[in-house]
Amino acid sequence: METNVPPITPRLWERTMTLGQEPVLALSVRRPAFPEKGAFRRVERYFSRCSLLLREQWETVLYPRACQARRDDELFLPWRAALDYAVTYWEPPLLSLRLEITHSDQLHRPRRWYVGETWDCAQGRPRLLSSFFPGNRRWRRQLTAQLVEQARQRVNSGETLLRPDCPETVRREFDPERFYLTGEGLALFYPMYLLGPYAEGVPVFTVPLSPTETAPPPGQAPPGGGSAPGWGSRRGTPAPAPP
């Protein structure tokens, strides 16, 4: 197996749910599938479980809403919900992915939510954001200060639709679960509408990392547990769209 290619196979699941004979909700899950061997077995179990939880959420929560919308509107068009992913970083054993959940219906503009997943594939464990700053007890304060400064620069540039109070919101609403890795460093993101209007999409800020910060201290496993919060947790569950 080539080390420059992550050991991932795309796995696709699709379903069209109907009311009577009429389609009302089209579902699609394209998730990364991992080898069922070694530490990858734990990673595969996690992604399999989370994708099942997401499908169940759509089938038990979103589907009844779509059915009601069809009953209320003769010009109804089927709703859609999808999960897709992109590999954003692979430097063995470190793997990072950005998962994107989208919802489309007649009641709101299409909405997007990101989920970041970063794993040490040798250990079969997720990497927490704090693990990229070993021995630095002030990492959170220093990191948010960089995010606030980037937000302030974007607002002052006049080339963004971010709200004037964006820098303060960036500091107040910082969540260490909302990140993934790229070749440029840490990518930290905020939900749609939190920092600006729909046109801003999902705002992402990038903070460079040194090579030593991407690896745990010698002889130590990276901080983290046997599992990470699932997509059904607060970071992955789509929130109601604003009016």
Protein backbone atom coordinates (compact mmCIF):
# COMPACT_ATOMS: atom_id res chain seq x y z
CA MET A 1 0.00 0.00 0.00
CA GLU A 2 1.35 3.41 -0.96
CA THR A 3 2.08 5.52 2.09
CA ASN A 4 1.11 8.71 0.24
CA VAL A 5 -2.42 7.38 -0.27
CA PRO A 6 -4.64 6.98 2.82
CA PRO A 7 -6.14 3.49 3.31
CA ILE A 8 -9.67 4.69 2.56
CA THR A 9 -12.37 3.34 0.27
CA PRO A 10 -15.45 5.52 -0.33
CA ARG A 11 -18.64 3.78 0.77
CA LEU A 12 -21.95 5.07 -0.62
CA TRP A 13 -25.44 4.57 0.79
CA GLU A 14 -28.53 6.11 -0.80
CA ARG A 15 -32.23 5.98 -0.05
CA THR A 16 -35.33 7.78 -1.32
CA MET A 17 -38.14 7.95 1.23
CA THR A 18 -41.71 8.34 0.03
CA LEU A 19 -45.15 9.44 1.20
CA GLY A 20 -47.43 6.97 -0.53
CA GLN A 21 -45.78 6.65 -3.92
CA GLU A 22 -44.35 10.16 -3.98
CA PRO A 23 -40.67 10.87 -3.14
CA VAL A 24 -40.33 13.35 -0.28
CA LEU A 25 -36.75 12.87 0.99
CA ALA A 26 -33.60 11.80 -0.86
CA LEU A 27 -30.73 10.69 1.39
CA SER A 28 -27.08 10.10 0.52
CA VAL A 29 -24.15 9.11 2.73
CA ARG A 30 -20.68 8.89 1.22
CA ARG A 31 -18.32 8.01 4.03
CA PRO A 32 -14.72 6.82 4.34
CA ALA A 33 -14.35 3.07 4.95
CA PHE A 34 -11.17 1.70 6.54
CA PRO A 35 -9.51 -1.75 6.58
CA GLU A 36 -10.89 -4.13 9.19
CA LYS A 37 -7.47 -4.86 10.63
CA GLY A 38 -5.12 -3.54 13.27
CA ALA A 39 -5.78 -0.07 14.66
CA PHE A 40 -7.84 0.79 11.59
CA ARG A 41 -10.56 -1.52 12.92
CA ARG A 42 -11.33 1.00 15.68
CA VAL A 43 -11.43 3.88 13.19
CA GLU A 44 -13.79 1.92 10.93
CA ARG A 45 -16.13 1.09 13.81
CA TYR A 46 -16.34 4.76 14.72
CA PHE A 47 -17.17 6.00 11.21
CA SER A 48 -19.62 3.16 10.66
CA ARG A 49 -21.45 3.92 13.90
CA CYS A 50 -21.58 7.67 13.28
CA SER A 51 -22.94 7.24 9.76
CA LEU A 52 -25.67 4.96 11.11
CA LEU A 53 -26.58 7.53 13.76
CA LEU A 54 -26.83 10.23 11.11
CA ARG A 55 -29.03 8.06 8.88
CA GLU A 56 -31.30 7.27 11.83
CA GLN A 57 -31.58 10.96 12.63
CA TRP A 58 -32.64 11.75 9.09
CA GLU A 59 -35.12 8.86 8.93
CA THR A 60 -36.76 9.59 12.30
CA VAL A 61 -36.57 13.41 12.51
CA LEU A 62 -36.15 14.86 9.02
CA TYR A 63 -38.49 12.46 7.21
CA PRO A 64 -41.63 13.32 9.27
CA ARG A 65 -40.92 17.02 8.67
CA ALA A 66 -40.65 16.41 4.93
CA CYS A 67 -43.93 14.49 4.96
CA GLN A 68 -45.69 17.31 6.78
CA ALA A 69 -44.25 19.85 4.34
CA ARG A 70 -45.65 17.79 1.46
CA ARG A 71 -49.11 17.71 3.05
CA ASP A 72 -49.00 21.49 3.48
CA ASP A 73 -47.80 22.36 -0.04
CA GLU A 74 -49.13 21.03 -3.33
CA LEU A 75 -46.07 22.46 -5.12
CA PHE A 76 -43.72 20.51 -2.85
CA LEU A 77 -40.30 19.47 -4.15
CA PRO A 78 -38.44 16.57 -2.49
CA TRP A 79 -36.05 17.47 0.30
CA ARG A 80 -32.43 16.29 0.20
CA ALA A 81 -29.84 15.46 2.85
CA ALA A 82 -26.30 14.30 2.18
CA LEU A 83 -22.99 13.54 3.82
CA ASP A 84 -19.72 13.70 1.93
CA TYR A 85 -16.07 13.91 2.94
CA ALA A 86 -12.66 15.09 1.78
CA VAL A 87 -9.22 14.03 2.98
CA THR A 88 -7.49 17.25 4.02
CA TYR A 89 -4.26 15.80 5.46
CA TRP A 90 -2.42 12.48 5.33
CA GLU A 91 1.05 12.11 6.76
CA PRO A 92 1.25 8.63 8.30
CA PRO A 93 0.10 7.97 10.88
CA LEU A 94 -1.83 11.27 11.00
CA LEU A 95 -5.07 11.48 9.00
CA SER A 96 -7.52 14.36 8.89
CA LEU A 97 -10.85 14.67 7.10
CA ARG A 98 -13.51 17.31 6.63
CA LEU A 99 -17.04 15.92 6.52
CA GLU A 100 -19.79 18.06 5.05
CA ILE A 101 -23.47 17.62 5.86
CA THR A 102 -25.95 19.41 3.60
CA HIS A 103 -29.71 19.88 3.82
CA SER A 104 -31.88 21.28 1.04
CA ASP A 105 -35.61 22.00 1.26
CA GLN A 106 -38.16 24.60 0.18
CA LEU A 107 -38.30 26.27 3.57
CA HIS A 108 -34.68 27.47 3.74
CA ARG A 109 -31.65 28.01 1.58
CA PRO A 110 -29.37 24.94 1.30
CA ARG A 111 -27.44 24.62 4.55
CA ARG A 112 -24.02 23.16 5.29
CA TRP A 113 -22.35 21.88 8.44
CA TYR A 114 -18.71 20.80 8.78
CA VAL A 115 -17.36 18.05 11.02
CA GLY A 116 -13.61 17.71 11.49
CA GLU A 117 -12.00 14.33 12.16
CA THR A 118 -8.29 13.93 12.93
CA TRP A 119 -6.90 10.52 13.88
CA ASP A 120 -3.63 8.85 14.79
CA CYS A 121 -4.08 5.73 12.67
CA ALA A 122 -1.21 3.86 14.36
CA GLN A 123 -3.02 4.14 17.70
CA GLY A 124 -6.56 4.06 16.33
CA ARG A 125 -7.35 7.13 18.42
CA PRO A 126 -8.63 10.63 17.65
CA ARG A 127 -6.28 13.57 18.11
CA LEU A 128 -7.65 16.32 20.32
CA LEU A 129 -6.83 19.92 19.48
CA SER A 130 -4.88 20.29 22.73
CA SER A 131 -2.53 17.48 21.64
CA PHE A 132 -1.00 19.78 19.03
CA PHE A 133 0.31 22.05 21.79
CA PRO A 134 2.07 19.65 24.20
CA GLY A 135 3.20 21.23 27.42
CA ASN A 136 1.56 24.57 26.61
CA ARG A 137 -1.10 25.35 29.22
CA ARG A 138 -1.90 28.64 27.50
CA TRP A 139 -2.59 27.08 24.10
CA ARG A 140 -6.29 27.91 24.10
CA ARG A 141 -5.79 31.59 24.92
CA GLN A 142 -2.97 31.94 22.39
CA LEU A 143 -4.94 30.15 19.67
CA THR A 144 -8.09 32.20 20.13
CA ALA A 145 -6.00 35.37 20.08
CA GLN A 146 -4.75 34.39 16.60
CA LEU A 147 -8.30 33.67 15.44
CA VAL A 148 -9.56 37.00 16.77
CA GLU A 149 -6.77 38.84 14.97
CA GLN A 150 -7.55 37.07 11.68
CA ALA A 151 -11.24 37.89 12.07
CA ARG A 152 -10.42 41.54 12.79
CA GLN A 153 -8.25 41.74 9.68
CA ARG A 154 -11.01 40.29 7.52
CA VAL A 155 -13.57 42.75 8.86
CA ASN A 156 -11.21 45.72 8.42
CA SER A 157 -10.32 44.68 4.87
CA GLY A 158 -13.86 45.41 3.69
CA GLU A 159 -13.68 42.30 1.48
CA THR A 160 -15.94 40.17 3.65
CA LEU A 161 -19.54 40.10 4.84
CA LEU A 162 -18.55 39.14 8.37
CA ARG A 163 -20.37 41.19 10.99
CA PRO A 164 -18.45 43.95 12.84
CA ASP A 165 -18.76 42.03 16.12
CA CYS A 166 -17.23 38.95 14.46
CA PRO A 167 -13.90 39.07 16.41
CA GLU A 168 -15.67 38.96 19.77
CA THR A 169 -17.98 36.16 18.56
CA VAL A 170 -14.93 34.19 17.38
CA ARG A 171 -13.47 34.39 20.87
CA ARG A 172 -16.72 33.67 22.72
CA GLU A 173 -17.90 30.81 20.51
CA PHE A 174 -14.56 29.04 20.09
CA ASP A 175 -15.04 25.25 20.17
CA PRO A 176 -11.96 22.97 20.23
CA GLU A 177 -13.93 20.21 18.46
CA ARG A 178 -14.36 22.28 15.29
CA PHE A 179 -11.07 21.71 13.50
CA TYR A 180 -9.24 19.63 10.93
CA LEU A 181 -5.71 19.62 9.54
CA THR A 182 -4.45 20.80 6.16
CA GLY A 183 -1.00 21.14 4.65
CA GLU A 184 -1.04 24.76 5.86
CA GLY A 185 -1.84 23.93 9.48
CA LEU A 186 -4.94 23.87 11.65
CA ALA A 187 -8.22 24.78 9.98
CA LEU A 188 -10.72 26.01 12.58
CA PHE A 189 -14.28 26.63 11.47
CA TYR A 190 -17.50 28.20 12.72
CA PRO A 191 -21.11 27.31 11.81
CA MET A 192 -23.00 29.09 9.07
CA TYR A 193 -24.76 32.29 10.19
CA LEU A 194 -22.72 32.56 13.40
CA LEU A 195 -20.27 35.16 12.08
CA GLY A 196 -22.09 36.53 9.07
CA PRO A 197 -24.88 36.05 6.53
CA TYR A 198 -25.55 33.04 4.33
CA ALA A 199 -23.14 34.23 1.64
CA GLU A 200 -20.20 33.75 4.04
CA GLY A 201 -20.85 30.00 4.14
CA VAL A 202 -18.82 28.15 6.79
CA PRO A 203 -16.02 30.53 7.88
CA VAL A 204 -12.63 28.82 8.19
CA PHE A 205 -9.48 30.25 9.79
CA THR A 206 -6.03 28.69 9.30
CA VAL A 207 -3.30 28.66 11.95
CA PRO A 208 0.15 27.33 10.92
CA LEU A 209 1.74 24.49 12.87
CA SER A 210 5.39 23.56 13.16
CA PRO A 211 6.36 19.94 12.28
CA THR A 212 6.97 19.18 15.96
CA GLU A 213 3.41 20.21 16.80
CA THR A 214 1.84 17.58 14.53
CA ALA A 215 3.48 14.72 16.44
CA PRO A 216 2.96 13.66 20.07
CA PRO A 217 5.97 13.78 22.42
CA PRO A 218 8.39 10.88 21.80
CA GLY A 219 7.31 7.65 23.45
CA GLN A 220 3.84 8.92 24.28
CA ALA A 221 0.46 8.18 22.76
CA PRO A 222 -1.44 11.26 21.61
CA PRO A 223 -3.99 12.59 24.08
CA GLY A 224 -7.46 11.29 23.41
CA GLY A 225 -9.71 8.44 24.34
CA GLY A 226 -10.85 5.26 22.68
CA SER A 227 -13.58 7.15 20.88
CA ALA A 228 -14.44 10.67 19.84
CA PRO A 229 -17.75 12.52 20.04
CA GLY A 230 -20.01 11.30 17.23
CA TRP A 231 -21.72 13.26 14.52
CA GLY A 232 -24.86 13.03 16.62
CA SER A 233 -23.15 15.19 19.24
CA ARG A 234 -23.40 18.96 19.40
CA ARG A 235 -20.68 19.38 16.78
CA GLY A 236 -22.34 17.18 14.19
CA THR A 237 -26.07 17.61 14.73
CA PRO A 238 -27.52 20.19 12.33
CA ALA A 239 -29.12 23.05 14.21
CA PRO A 240 -32.34 24.74 13.11
CA ALA A 241 -31.76 27.28 10.39
CA PRO A 242 -32.33 30.91 11.36
CA PRO A 243 -35.45 32.58 9.99
